[in-house]
Amino acid sequence: KDAKWIADVFKHDLVSGSFIPPADIRQLRDLVRYRWKLNNYI
């Protein structure tokens, strides 16, 4: 029912999508965020 509900809402374009950058930017983002975590550990 959850999957059906998502399909019903989506077919009317009532869902706001999140910003997802391209794959290479996503990999760079993952590395940069890990550096931020290391800074917090330090």
PDB file of all heavy atoms in Angstrom:
ATOM      1  N   LYS A   1       0.821  -1.214   0.000  1.00  0.00           N
ATOM      2  CA  LYS A   1       0.000   0.000   0.000  1.00  0.00           C
ATOM      3  C   LYS A   1       0.851   1.258   0.000  1.00  0.00           C
ATOM      4  O   LYS A   1       0.471   2.276  -0.593  1.00  0.00           O
ATOM      5  CB  LYS A   1      -0.931  -0.012   1.209  1.00  0.00           C
ATOM      6  CG  LYS A   1      -2.057  -1.034   1.104  1.00  0.00           C
ATOM      7  CD  LYS A   1      -2.965  -0.975   2.314  1.00  0.00           C
ATOM      8  CE  LYS A   1      -4.109  -1.982   2.192  1.00  0.00           C
ATOM      9  NZ  LYS A   1      -5.004  -1.942   3.383  1.00  0.00           N
ATOM     10  N   ASP A   2       2.012   1.209   0.667  1.00  0.00           N
ATOM     11  CA  ASP A   2       2.917   2.359   0.643  1.00  0.00           C
ATOM     12  C   ASP A   2       3.411   2.627  -0.773  1.00  0.00           C
ATOM     13  O   ASP A   2       3.445   3.782  -1.234  1.00  0.00           O
ATOM     14  CB  ASP A   2       4.110   2.113   1.570  1.00  0.00           C
ATOM     15  CG  ASP A   2       3.750   2.281   3.038  1.00  0.00           C
ATOM     16  OD1 ASP A   2       2.651   2.812   3.307  1.00  0.00           O
ATOM     17  OD2 ASP A   2       4.543   1.891   3.900  1.00  0.00           O
ATOM     18  N   ALA A   3       3.827   1.564  -1.484  1.00  0.00           N
ATOM     19  CA  ALA A   3       4.296   1.734  -2.866  1.00  0.00           C
ATOM     20  C   ALA A   3       3.171   2.245  -3.760  1.00  0.00           C
ATOM     21  O   ALA A   3       3.393   3.120  -4.617  1.00  0.00           O
ATOM     22  CB  ALA A   3       4.846   0.405  -3.394  1.00  0.00           C
ATOM     23  N   LYS A   4       1.966   1.728  -3.567  1.00  0.00           N
ATOM     24  CA  LYS A   4       0.816   2.181  -4.364  1.00  0.00           C
ATOM     25  C   LYS A   4       0.486   3.636  -4.064  1.00  0.00           C
ATOM     26  O   LYS A   4       0.176   4.424  -4.962  1.00  0.00           O
ATOM     27  CB  LYS A   4      -0.397   1.298  -4.072  1.00  0.00           C
ATOM     28  CG  LYS A   4      -1.663   1.667  -4.836  1.00  0.00           C
ATOM     29  CD  LYS A   4      -2.771   0.683  -4.529  1.00  0.00           C
ATOM     30  CE  LYS A   4      -4.070   1.067  -5.250  1.00  0.00           C
ATOM     31  NZ  LYS A   4      -4.643   2.327  -4.749  1.00  0.00           N
ATOM     32  N   TRP A   5       0.576   4.017  -2.791  1.00  0.00           N
ATOM     33  CA  TRP A   5       0.297   5.405  -2.415  1.00  0.00           C
ATOM     34  C   TRP A   5       1.317   6.356  -3.048  1.00  0.00           C
ATOM     35  O   TRP A   5       0.960   7.430  -3.548  1.00  0.00           O
ATOM     36  CB  TRP A   5       0.312   5.540  -0.899  1.00  0.00           C
ATOM     37  CG  TRP A   5       0.198   6.956  -0.410  1.00  0.00           C
ATOM     38  CD1 TRP A   5       1.207   7.769   0.013  1.00  0.00           C
ATOM     39  CD2 TRP A   5      -0.988   7.753  -0.333  1.00  0.00           C
ATOM     40  NE1 TRP A   5       0.735   8.999   0.364  1.00  0.00           N
ATOM     41  CE2 TRP A   5      -0.622   9.016   0.162  1.00  0.00           C
ATOM     42  CE3 TRP A   5      -2.333   7.503  -0.616  1.00  0.00           C
ATOM     43  CZ2 TRP A   5      -1.540  10.032   0.377  1.00  0.00           C
ATOM     44  CZ3 TRP A   5      -3.252   8.518  -0.403  1.00  0.00           C
ATOM     45  CH2 TRP A   5      -2.851   9.768   0.084  1.00  0.00           C
ATOM     46  N   ILE A   6       2.596   5.973  -3.039  1.00  0.00           N
ATOM     47  CA  ILE A   6       3.633   6.808  -3.654  1.00  0.00           C
ATOM     48  C   ILE A   6       3.360   6.965  -5.149  1.00  0.00           C
ATOM     49  O   ILE A   6       3.495   8.065  -5.709  1.00  0.00           O
ATOM     50  CB  ILE A   6       5.025   6.191  -3.401  1.00  0.00           C
ATOM     51  CG1 ILE A   6       5.359   6.243  -1.904  1.00  0.00           C
ATOM     52  CG2 ILE A   6       6.094   6.934  -4.193  1.00  0.00           C
ATOM     53  CD1 ILE A   6       6.623   5.493  -1.530  1.00  0.00           C
ATOM     54  N   ALA A   7       2.972   5.878  -5.807  1.00  0.00           N
ATOM     55  CA  ALA A   7       2.657   5.950  -7.238  1.00  0.00           C
ATOM     56  C   ALA A   7       1.462   6.858  -7.486  1.00  0.00           C
ATOM     57  O   ALA A   7       1.458   7.646  -8.445  1.00  0.00           O
ATOM     58  CB  ALA A   7       2.402   4.547  -7.784  1.00  0.00           C
ATOM     59  N   ASP A   8       0.414   6.767  -6.637  1.00  0.00           N
ATOM     60  CA  ASP A   8      -0.779   7.600  -6.816  1.00  0.00           C
ATOM     61  C   ASP A   8      -0.466   9.079  -6.636  1.00  0.00           C
ATOM     62  O   ASP A   8      -0.955   9.931  -7.383  1.00  0.00           O
ATOM     63  CB  ASP A   8      -1.865   7.172  -5.825  1.00  0.00           C
ATOM     64  CG  ASP A   8      -2.564   5.895  -6.244  1.00  0.00           C
ATOM     65  OD1 ASP A   8      -2.579   5.602  -7.466  1.00  0.00           O
ATOM     66  OD2 ASP A   8      -3.086   5.171  -5.368  1.00  0.00           O
ATOM     67  N   VAL A   9       0.332   9.398  -5.642  1.00  0.00           N
ATOM     68  CA  VAL A   9       0.693  10.803  -5.415  1.00  0.00           C
ATOM     69  C   VAL A   9       1.596  11.313  -6.524  1.00  0.00           C
ATOM     70  O   VAL A   9       1.466  12.446  -6.996  1.00  0.00           O
ATOM     71  CB  VAL A   9       1.369  10.948  -4.036  1.00  0.00           C
ATOM     72  CG1 VAL A   9       1.826  12.388  -3.815  1.00  0.00           C
ATOM     73  CG2 VAL A   9       0.414  10.553  -2.919  1.00  0.00           C
ATOM     74  N   PHE A  10       2.506  10.453  -6.965  1.00  0.00           N
ATOM     75  CA  PHE A  10       3.483  10.874  -7.965  1.00  0.00           C
ATOM     76  C   PHE A  10       2.853  11.066  -9.340  1.00  0.00           C
ATOM     77  O   PHE A  10       3.280  11.958 -10.095  1.00  0.00           O
ATOM     78  CB  PHE A  10       4.608   9.840  -8.036  1.00  0.00           C
ATOM     79  CG  PHE A  10       5.684  10.161  -9.029  1.00  0.00           C
ATOM     80  CD1 PHE A  10       6.378  11.356  -8.965  1.00  0.00           C
ATOM     81  CD2 PHE A  10       6.005   9.265 -10.038  1.00  0.00           C
ATOM     82  CE1 PHE A  10       7.369  11.657  -9.889  1.00  0.00           C
ATOM     83  CE2 PHE A  10       6.991   9.552 -10.959  1.00  0.00           C
ATOM     84  CZ  PHE A  10       7.677  10.751 -10.886  1.00  0.00           C
ATOM     85  N   LYS A  11       1.858  10.253  -9.697  1.00  0.00           N
ATOM     86  CA  LYS A  11       1.284  10.365 -11.046  1.00  0.00           C
ATOM     87  C   LYS A  11       0.601  11.708 -11.268  1.00  0.00           C
ATOM     88  O   LYS A  11       0.453  12.162 -12.400  1.00  0.00           O
ATOM     89  CB  LYS A  11       0.304   9.221 -11.300  1.00  0.00           C
ATOM     90  CG  LYS A  11      -1.008   9.311 -10.532  1.00  0.00           C
ATOM     91  CD  LYS A  11      -1.898   8.118 -10.818  1.00  0.00           C
ATOM     92  CE  LYS A  11      -3.221   8.214 -10.049  1.00  0.00           C
ATOM     93  NZ  LYS A  11      -4.083   7.040 -10.289  1.00  0.00           N
ATOM     94  N   HIS A  12       0.191  12.382 -10.174  1.00  0.00           N
ATOM     95  CA  HIS A  12      -0.397  13.721 -10.273  1.00  0.00           C
ATOM     96  C   HIS A  12       0.653  14.823 -10.084  1.00  0.00           C
ATOM     97  O   HIS A  12       0.287  15.998 -10.002  1.00  0.00           O
ATOM     98  CB  HIS A  12      -1.498  13.890  -9.227  1.00  0.00           C
ATOM     99  CG  HIS A  12      -2.650  12.953  -9.396  1.00  0.00           C
ATOM    100  ND1 HIS A  12      -3.482  12.982 -10.488  1.00  0.00           N
ATOM    101  CD2 HIS A  12      -3.112  11.941  -8.600  1.00  0.00           C
ATOM    102  CE1 HIS A  12      -4.414  12.044 -10.368  1.00  0.00           C
ATOM    103  NE2 HIS A  12      -4.221  11.399  -9.230  1.00  0.00           N
ATOM    104  N   ASP A  13       1.923  14.435  -9.990  1.00  0.00           N
ATOM    105  CA  ASP A  13       3.029  15.392  -9.806  1.00  0.00           C
ATOM    106  C   ASP A  13       2.852  16.211  -8.525  1.00  0.00           C
ATOM    107  O   ASP A  13       3.034  17.429  -8.512  1.00  0.00           O
ATOM    108  CB  ASP A  13       3.136  16.327 -11.016  1.00  0.00           C
ATOM    109  CG  ASP A  13       4.496  17.031 -11.076  1.00  0.00           C
ATOM    110  OD1 ASP A  13       5.448  16.529 -10.447  1.00  0.00           O
ATOM    111  OD2 ASP A  13       4.590  18.087 -11.732  1.00  0.00           O
ATOM    112  N   LEU A  14       2.500  15.519  -7.437  1.00  0.00           N
ATOM    113  CA  LEU A  14       2.303  16.181  -6.152  1.00  0.00           C
ATOM    114  C   LEU A  14       3.483  15.981  -5.207  1.00  0.00           C
ATOM    115  O   LEU A  14       3.397  16.329  -4.029  1.00  0.00           O
ATOM    116  CB  LEU A  14       1.029  15.647  -5.482  1.00  0.00           C
ATOM    117  CG  LEU A  14      -0.283  15.876  -6.239  1.00  0.00           C
ATOM    118  CD1 LEU A  14      -1.436  15.232  -5.493  1.00  0.00           C
ATOM    119  CD2 LEU A  14      -0.536  17.370  -6.424  1.00  0.00           C
ATOM    120  N   VAL A  15       4.576  15.440  -5.723  1.00  0.00           N
ATOM    121  CA  VAL A  15       5.740  15.142  -4.894  1.00  0.00           C
ATOM    122  C   VAL A  15       6.870  16.102  -5.245  1.00  0.00           C
ATOM    123  O   VAL A  15       7.209  16.264  -6.425  1.00  0.00           O
ATOM    124  CB  VAL A  15       6.209  13.685  -5.096  1.00  0.00           C
ATOM    125  CG1 VAL A  15       7.420  13.396  -4.230  1.00  0.00           C
ATOM    126  CG2 VAL A  15       5.084  12.717  -4.778  1.00  0.00           C
ATOM    127  N   SER A  16       7.439  16.729  -4.224  1.00  0.00           N
ATOM    128  CA  SER A  16       8.596  17.600  -4.429  1.00  0.00           C
ATOM    129  C   SER A  16       9.862  16.757  -4.366  1.00  0.00           C
ATOM    130  O   SER A  16      10.141  16.121  -3.339  1.00  0.00           O
ATOM    131  CB  SER A  16       8.643  18.690  -3.352  1.00  0.00           C
ATOM    132  OG  SER A  16       7.511  19.518  -3.432  1.00  0.00           O
ATOM    133  N   GLY A  17      10.602  16.729  -5.446  1.00  0.00           N
ATOM    134  CA  GLY A  17      11.821  15.927  -5.491  1.00  0.00           C
ATOM    135  C   GLY A  17      12.997  16.626  -4.847  1.00  0.00           C
ATOM    136  O   GLY A  17      13.081  17.861  -4.830  1.00  0.00           O
ATOM    137  N   SER A  18      13.898  15.851  -4.282  1.00  0.00           N
ATOM    138  CA  SER A  18      15.123  16.388  -3.696  1.00  0.00           C
ATOM    139  C   SER A  18      16.168  16.605  -4.794  1.00  0.00           C
ATOM    140  O   SER A  18      16.151  15.937  -5.822  1.00  0.00           O
ATOM    141  CB  SER A  18      15.674  15.432  -2.635  1.00  0.00           C
ATOM    142  OG  SER A  18      14.723  15.192  -1.623  1.00  0.00           O
ATOM    143  N   PHE A  19      17.074  17.549  -4.535  1.00  0.00           N
ATOM    144  CA  PHE A  19      18.148  17.816  -5.488  1.00  0.00           C
ATOM    145  C   PHE A  19      19.207  16.720  -5.371  1.00  0.00           C
ATOM    146  O   PHE A  19      19.793  16.512  -4.307  1.00  0.00           O
ATOM    147  CB  PHE A  19      18.780  19.183  -5.205  1.00  0.00           C
ATOM    148  CG  PHE A  19      20.106  19.382  -5.881  1.00  0.00           C
ATOM    149  CD1 PHE A  19      20.215  19.352  -7.257  1.00  0.00           C
ATOM    150  CD2 PHE A  19      21.257  19.595  -5.129  1.00  0.00           C
ATOM    151  CE1 PHE A  19      21.432  19.527  -7.883  1.00  0.00           C
ATOM    152  CE2 PHE A  19      22.484  19.769  -5.743  1.00  0.00           C
ATOM    153  CZ  PHE A  19      22.570  19.741  -7.118  1.00  0.00           C
ATOM    154  N   ILE A  20      19.435  16.009  -6.463  1.00  0.00           N
ATOM    155  CA  ILE A  20      20.459  14.959  -6.521  1.00  0.00           C
ATOM    156  C   ILE A  20      21.454  15.346  -7.613  1.00  0.00           C
ATOM    157  O   ILE A  20      21.099  15.379  -8.797  1.00  0.00           O
ATOM    158  CB  ILE A  20      19.845  13.578  -6.826  1.00  0.00           C
ATOM    159  CG1 ILE A  20      18.751  13.246  -5.817  1.00  0.00           C
ATOM    160  CG2 ILE A  20      20.934  12.510  -6.808  1.00  0.00           C
ATOM    161  CD1 ILE A  20      19.220  13.125  -4.395  1.00  0.00           C
ATOM    162  N   PRO A  21      22.700  15.656  -7.266  1.00  0.00           N
ATOM    163  CA  PRO A  21      23.683  16.038  -8.285  1.00  0.00           C
ATOM    164  C   PRO A  21      24.128  14.832  -9.103  1.00  0.00           C
ATOM    165  O   PRO A  21      23.803  13.681  -8.768  1.00  0.00           O
ATOM    166  CB  PRO A  21      24.839  16.600  -7.442  1.00  0.00           C
ATOM    167  CG  PRO A  21      24.706  15.930  -6.120  1.00  0.00           C
ATOM    168  CD  PRO A  21      23.239  15.692  -5.908  1.00  0.00           C
ATOM    169  N   PRO A  22      24.889  15.057 -10.174  1.00  0.00           N
ATOM    170  CA  PRO A  22      25.397  13.935 -10.978  1.00  0.00           C
ATOM    171  C   PRO A  22      26.292  13.005 -10.164  1.00  0.00           C
ATOM    172  O   PRO A  22      26.741  13.349  -9.062  1.00  0.00           O
ATOM    173  CB  PRO A  22      26.177  14.636 -12.100  1.00  0.00           C
ATOM    174  CG  PRO A  22      25.618  16.011 -12.160  1.00  0.00           C
ATOM    175  CD  PRO A  22      25.206  16.356 -10.768  1.00  0.00           C
ATOM    176  N   ALA A  23      26.576  11.847 -10.739  1.00  0.00           N
ATOM    177  CA  ALA A  23      27.303  10.802 -10.007  1.00  0.00           C
ATOM    178  C   ALA A  23      28.692  11.258  -9.576  1.00  0.00           C
ATOM    179  O   ALA A  23      29.126  10.977  -8.452  1.00  0.00           O
ATOM    180  CB  ALA A  23      27.403   9.545 -10.873  1.00  0.00           C
ATOM    181  N   ASP A  24      29.427  11.970 -10.457  1.00  0.00           N
ATOM    182  CA  ASP A  24      30.783  12.393 -10.086  1.00  0.00           C
ATOM    183  C   ASP A  24      30.757  13.430  -8.967  1.00  0.00           C
ATOM    184  O   ASP A  24      31.629  13.428  -8.086  1.00  0.00           O
ATOM    185  CB  ASP A  24      31.525  12.937 -11.310  1.00  0.00           C
ATOM    186  CG  ASP A  24      30.718  13.978 -12.068  1.00  0.00           C
ATOM    187  OD1 ASP A  24      29.532  14.162 -11.738  1.00  0.00           O
ATOM    188  OD2 ASP A  24      31.265  14.613 -12.989  1.00  0.00           O
ATOM    189  N   ILE A  25      29.758  14.302  -8.980  1.00  0.00           N
ATOM    190  CA  ILE A  25      29.619  15.272  -7.886  1.00  0.00           C
ATOM    191  C   ILE A  25      29.241  14.555  -6.592  1.00  0.00           C
ATOM    192  O   ILE A  25      29.711  14.922  -5.501  1.00  0.00           O
ATOM    193  CB  ILE A  25      28.572  16.338  -8.246  1.00  0.00           C
ATOM    194  CG1 ILE A  25      29.053  17.207  -9.410  1.00  0.00           C
ATOM    195  CG2 ILE A  25      28.262  17.221  -7.035  1.00  0.00           C
ATOM    196  CD1 ILE A  25      30.180  18.144  -9.074  1.00  0.00           C
ATOM    197  N   ARG A  26      28.418  13.524  -6.689  1.00  0.00           N
ATOM    198  CA  ARG A  26      28.038  12.772  -5.483  1.00  0.00           C
ATOM    199  C   ARG A  26      29.250  12.103  -4.848  1.00  0.00           C
ATOM    200  O   ARG A  26      29.372  12.056  -3.613  1.00  0.00           O
ATOM    201  CB  ARG A  26      26.983  11.716  -5.831  1.00  0.00           C
ATOM    202  CG  ARG A  26      25.657  12.290  -6.270  1.00  0.00           C
ATOM    203  CD  ARG A  26      24.537  11.286  -6.082  1.00  0.00           C
ATOM    204  NE  ARG A  26      24.714  10.064  -6.835  1.00  0.00           N
ATOM    205  CZ  ARG A  26      24.277   9.856  -8.069  1.00  0.00           C
ATOM    206  NH1 ARG A  26      23.617  10.833  -8.705  1.00  0.00           N
ATOM    207  NH2 ARG A  26      24.462   8.708  -8.681  1.00  0.00           N
ATOM    208  N   GLN A  27      30.167  11.575  -5.669  1.00  0.00           N
ATOM    209  CA  GLN A  27      31.374  10.963  -5.123  1.00  0.00           C
ATOM    210  C   GLN A  27      32.265  12.006  -4.457  1.00  0.00           C
ATOM    211  O   GLN A  27      32.828  11.760  -3.377  1.00  0.00           O
ATOM    212  CB  GLN A  27      32.149  10.248  -6.238  1.00  0.00           C
ATOM    213  CG  GLN A  27      31.400   9.095  -6.884  1.00  0.00           C
ATOM    214  CD  GLN A  27      31.007   8.027  -5.884  1.00  0.00           C
ATOM    215  OE1 GLN A  27      31.726   7.741  -4.932  1.00  0.00           O
ATOM    216  NE2 GLN A  27      29.844   7.430  -6.086  1.00  0.00           N
ATOM    217  N   LEU A  28      32.389  13.168  -5.083  1.00  0.00           N
ATOM    218  CA  LEU A  28      33.173  14.247  -4.478  1.00  0.00           C
ATOM    219  C   LEU A  28      32.524  14.709  -3.175  1.00  0.00           C
ATOM    220  O   LEU A  28      33.217  14.970  -2.179  1.00  0.00           O
ATOM    221  CB  LEU A  28      33.293  15.412  -5.465  1.00  0.00           C
ATOM    222  CG  LEU A  28      34.080  16.639  -4.983  1.00  0.00           C
ATOM    223  CD1 LEU A  28      35.524  16.269  -4.674  1.00  0.00           C
ATOM    224  CD2 LEU A  28      34.028  17.747  -6.030  1.00  0.00           C
ATOM    225  N   ARG A  29      31.196  14.797  -3.159  1.00  0.00           N
ATOM    226  CA  ARG A  29      30.480  15.202  -1.948  1.00  0.00           C
ATOM    227  C   ARG A  29      30.735  14.220  -0.812  1.00  0.00           C
ATOM    228  O   ARG A  29      30.933  14.631   0.346  1.00  0.00           O
ATOM    229  CB  ARG A  29      28.983  15.289  -2.244  1.00  0.00           C
ATOM    230  CG  ARG A  29      28.131  15.569  -1.024  1.00  0.00           C
ATOM    231  CD  ARG A  29      26.657  15.365  -1.315  1.00  0.00           C
ATOM    232  NE  ARG A  29      26.098  16.485  -2.056  1.00  0.00           N
ATOM    233  CZ  ARG A  29      24.807  16.604  -2.334  1.00  0.00           C
ATOM    234  NH1 ARG A  29      23.954  15.671  -1.938  1.00  0.00           N
ATOM    235  NH2 ARG A  29      24.357  17.643  -3.003  1.00  0.00           N
ATOM    236  N   ASP A  30      30.755  12.927  -1.119  1.00  0.00           N
ATOM    237  CA  ASP A  30      30.979  11.921  -0.094  1.00  0.00           C
ATOM    238  C   ASP A  30      32.364  12.067   0.525  1.00  0.00           C
ATOM    239  O   ASP A  30      32.529  11.956   1.750  1.00  0.00           O
ATOM    240  CB  ASP A  30      30.812  10.526  -0.706  1.00  0.00           C
ATOM    241  CG  ASP A  30      30.811   9.428   0.341  1.00  0.00           C
ATOM    242  OD1 ASP A  30      29.967   9.476   1.253  1.00  0.00           O
ATOM    243  OD2 ASP A  30      31.655   8.526   0.250  1.00  0.00           O
ATOM    244  N   LEU A  31      33.373  12.348  -0.302  1.00  0.00           N
ATOM    245  CA  LEU A  31      34.732  12.538   0.210  1.00  0.00           C
ATOM    246  C   LEU A  31      34.829  13.799   1.059  1.00  0.00           C
ATOM    247  O   LEU A  31      35.464  13.797   2.128  1.00  0.00           O
ATOM    248  CB  LEU A  31      35.724  12.608  -0.959  1.00  0.00           C
ATOM    249  CG  LEU A  31      35.899  11.341  -1.802  1.00  0.00           C
ATOM    250  CD1 LEU A  31      36.789  11.628  -3.005  1.00  0.00           C
ATOM    251  CD2 LEU A  31      36.462  10.202  -0.972  1.00  0.00           C
ATOM    252  N   VAL A  32      34.220  14.888   0.594  1.00  0.00           N
ATOM    253  CA  VAL A  32      34.291  16.160   1.322  1.00  0.00           C
ATOM    254  C   VAL A  32      33.585  16.048   2.669  1.00  0.00           C
ATOM    255  O   VAL A  32      34.072  16.572   3.687  1.00  0.00           O
ATOM    256  CB  VAL A  32      33.681  17.288   0.467  1.00  0.00           C
ATOM    257  CG1 VAL A  32      33.499  18.553   1.289  1.00  0.00           C
ATOM    258  CG2 VAL A  32      34.575  17.577  -0.737  1.00  0.00           C
ATOM    259  N   ARG A  33      32.454  15.369   2.702  1.00  0.00           N
ATOM    260  CA  ARG A  33      31.743  15.216   3.971  1.00  0.00           C
ATOM    261  C   ARG A  33      32.521  14.334   4.939  1.00  0.00           C
ATOM    262  O   ARG A  33      32.464  14.553   6.157  1.00  0.00           O
ATOM    263  CB  ARG A  33      30.345  14.640   3.714  1.00  0.00           C
ATOM    264  CG  ARG A  33      29.406  15.643   3.054  1.00  0.00           C
ATOM    265  CD  ARG A  33      28.007  15.082   2.899  1.00  0.00           C
ATOM    266  NE  ARG A  33      27.094  16.075   2.349  1.00  0.00           N
ATOM    267  CZ  ARG A  33      25.805  15.878   2.133  1.00  0.00           C
ATOM    268  NH1 ARG A  33      25.268  14.701   2.423  1.00  0.00           N
ATOM    269  NH2 ARG A  33      25.044  16.840   1.638  1.00  0.00           N
ATOM    270  N   TYR A  34      33.246  13.346   4.405  1.00  0.00           N
ATOM    271  CA  TYR A  34      34.079  12.524   5.284  1.00  0.00           C
ATOM    272  C   TYR A  34      35.221  13.352   5.861  1.00  0.00           C
ATOM    273  O   TYR A  34      35.600  13.168   7.025  1.00  0.00           O
ATOM    274  CB  TYR A  34      34.619  11.316   4.521  1.00  0.00           C
ATOM    275  CG  TYR A  34      35.439  10.382   5.382  1.00  0.00           C
ATOM    276  CD1 TYR A  34      34.928   9.895   6.586  1.00  0.00           C
ATOM    277  CD2 TYR A  34      36.714   9.998   5.004  1.00  0.00           C
ATOM    278  CE1 TYR A  34      35.671   9.049   7.386  1.00  0.00           C
ATOM    279  CE2 TYR A  34      37.467   9.148   5.791  1.00  0.00           C
ATOM    280  CZ  TYR A  34      36.944   8.679   6.979  1.00  0.00           C
ATOM    281  OH  TYR A  34      37.686   7.848   7.774  1.00  0.00           O
ATOM    282  N   ARG A  35      35.779  14.271   5.084  1.00  0.00           N
ATOM    283  CA  ARG A  35      36.810  15.178   5.610  1.00  0.00           C
ATOM    284  C   ARG A  35      36.238  16.030   6.734  1.00  0.00           C
ATOM    285  O   ARG A  35      36.914  16.288   7.743  1.00  0.00           O
ATOM    286  CB  ARG A  35      37.338  16.066   4.482  1.00  0.00           C
ATOM    287  CG  ARG A  35      38.364  17.097   4.937  1.00  0.00           C
ATOM    288  CD  ARG A  35      38.853  17.946   3.772  1.00  0.00           C
ATOM    289  NE  ARG A  35      39.797  18.957   4.202  1.00  0.00           N
ATOM    290  CZ  ARG A  35      39.461  20.189   4.566  1.00  0.00           C
ATOM    291  NH1 ARG A  35      38.174  20.559   4.538  1.00  0.00           N
ATOM    292  NH2 ARG A  35      40.381  21.054   4.951  1.00  0.00           N
ATOM    293  N   TRP A  36      34.995  16.479   6.569  1.00  0.00           N
ATOM    294  CA  TRP A  36      34.335  17.256   7.617  1.00  0.00           C
ATOM    295  C   TRP A  36      34.197  16.423   8.892  1.00  0.00           C
ATOM    296  O   TRP A  36      34.404  16.931  10.013  1.00  0.00           O
ATOM    297  CB  TRP A  36      32.976  17.714   7.104  1.00  0.00           C
ATOM    298  CG  TRP A  36      32.203  18.582   8.044  1.00  0.00           C
ATOM    299  CD1 TRP A  36      32.413  19.913   8.292  1.00  0.00           C
ATOM    300  CD2 TRP A  36      31.083  18.201   8.858  1.00  0.00           C
ATOM    301  NE1 TRP A  36      31.503  20.383   9.202  1.00  0.00           N
ATOM    302  CE2 TRP A  36      30.669  19.358   9.569  1.00  0.00           C
ATOM    303  CE3 TRP A  36      30.400  17.009   9.044  1.00  0.00           C
ATOM    304  CZ2 TRP A  36      29.599  19.330  10.453  1.00  0.00           C
ATOM    305  CZ3 TRP A  36      29.332  16.988   9.935  1.00  0.00           C
ATOM    306  CH2 TRP A  36      28.942  18.136  10.624  1.00  0.00           C
ATOM    307  N   LYS A  37      33.875  15.149   8.751  1.00  0.00           N
ATOM    308  CA  LYS A  37      33.774  14.260   9.915  1.00  0.00           C
ATOM    309  C   LYS A  37      35.131  14.100  10.589  1.00  0.00           C
ATOM    310  O   LYS A  37      35.222  14.116  11.826  1.00  0.00           O
ATOM    311  CB  LYS A  37      33.248  12.889   9.481  1.00  0.00           C
ATOM    312  CG  LYS A  37      31.820  12.880   8.970  1.00  0.00           C
ATOM    313  CD  LYS A  37      30.829  13.069  10.096  1.00  0.00           C
ATOM    314  CE  LYS A  37      29.398  12.909   9.584  1.00  0.00           C
ATOM    315  NZ  LYS A  37      28.399  13.144  10.655  1.00  0.00           N
ATOM    316  N   LEU A  38      36.195  13.932   9.797  1.00  0.00           N
ATOM    317  CA  LEU A  38      37.530  13.798  10.378  1.00  0.00           C
ATOM    318  C   LEU A  38      37.919  15.046  11.148  1.00  0.00           C
ATOM    319  O   LEU A  38      38.544  14.966  12.213  1.00  0.00           O
ATOM    320  CB  LEU A  38      38.559  13.507   9.279  1.00  0.00           C
ATOM    321  CG  LEU A  38      38.530  12.112   8.647  1.00  0.00           C
ATOM    322  CD1 LEU A  38      39.626  11.991   7.591  1.00  0.00           C
ATOM    323  CD2 LEU A  38      38.690  11.029   9.698  1.00  0.00           C
ATOM    324  N   ASN A  39      37.565  16.219  10.616  1.00  0.00           N
ATOM    325  CA  ASN A  39      37.826  17.463  11.349  1.00  0.00           C
ATOM    326  C   ASN A  39      37.117  17.469  12.695  1.00  0.00           C
ATOM    327  O   ASN A  39      37.678  17.915  13.702  1.00  0.00           O
ATOM    328  CB  ASN A  39      37.383  18.667  10.520  1.00  0.00           C
ATOM    329  CG  ASN A  39      38.420  19.091   9.504  1.00  0.00           C
ATOM    330  OD1 ASN A  39      39.614  18.924   9.727  1.00  0.00           O
ATOM    331  ND2 ASN A  39      37.979  19.641   8.394  1.00  0.00           N
ATOM    332  N   ASN A  40      35.893  16.985  12.717  1.00  0.00           N
ATOM    333  CA  ASN A  40      35.150  16.924  13.977  1.00  0.00           C
ATOM    334  C   ASN A  40      35.818  15.959  14.959  1.00  0.00           C
ATOM    335  O   ASN A  40      35.875  16.240  16.168  1.00  0.00           O
ATOM    336  CB  ASN A  40      33.706  16.486  13.718  1.00  0.00           C
ATOM    337  CG  ASN A  40      32.898  17.553  13.009  1.00  0.00           C
ATOM    338  OD1 ASN A  40      33.281  18.724  12.998  1.00  0.00           O
ATOM    339  ND2 ASN A  40      31.784  17.172  12.419  1.00  0.00           N
ATOM    340  N   TYR A  41      36.307  14.831  14.459  1.00  0.00           N
ATOM    341  CA  TYR A  41      37.002  13.884  15.325  1.00  0.00           C
ATOM    342  C   TYR A  41      38.268  14.516  15.916  1.00  0.00           C
ATOM    343  O   TYR A  41      38.574  14.332  17.103  1.00  0.00           O
ATOM    344  CB  TYR A  41      37.378  12.622  14.550  1.00  0.00           C
ATOM    345  CG  TYR A  41      36.210  11.802  14.063  1.00  0.00           C
ATOM    346  CD1 TYR A  41      36.307  11.022  12.909  1.00  0.00           C
ATOM    347  CD2 TYR A  41      34.997  11.801  14.744  1.00  0.00           C
ATOM    348  CE1 TYR A  41      35.238  10.266  12.457  1.00  0.00           C
ATOM    349  CE2 TYR A  41      33.924  11.054  14.294  1.00  0.00           C
ATOM    350  CZ  TYR A  41      34.047  10.291  13.161  1.00  0.00           C
ATOM    351  OH  TYR A  41      32.979   9.547  12.711  1.00  0.00           O
ATOM    352  N   ILE A  42      39.003  15.256  15.077  1.00  0.00           N
ATOM    353  CA  ILE A  42      40.234  15.898  15.544  1.00  0.00           C
ATOM    354  C   ILE A  42      39.921  16.945  16.615  1.00  0.00           C
ATOM    355  O   ILE A  42      40.610  17.028  17.642  1.00  0.00           O
ATOM    356  CB  ILE A  42      40.997  16.525  14.360  1.00  0.00           C
ATOM    357  CG1 ILE A  42      41.514  15.425  13.424  1.00  0.00           C
ATOM    358  CG2 ILE A  42      42.163  17.379  14.850  1.00  0.00           C
ATOM    359  CD1 ILE A  42      42.091  15.941  12.126  1.00  0.00           C
TER     360      ILE A  42
END
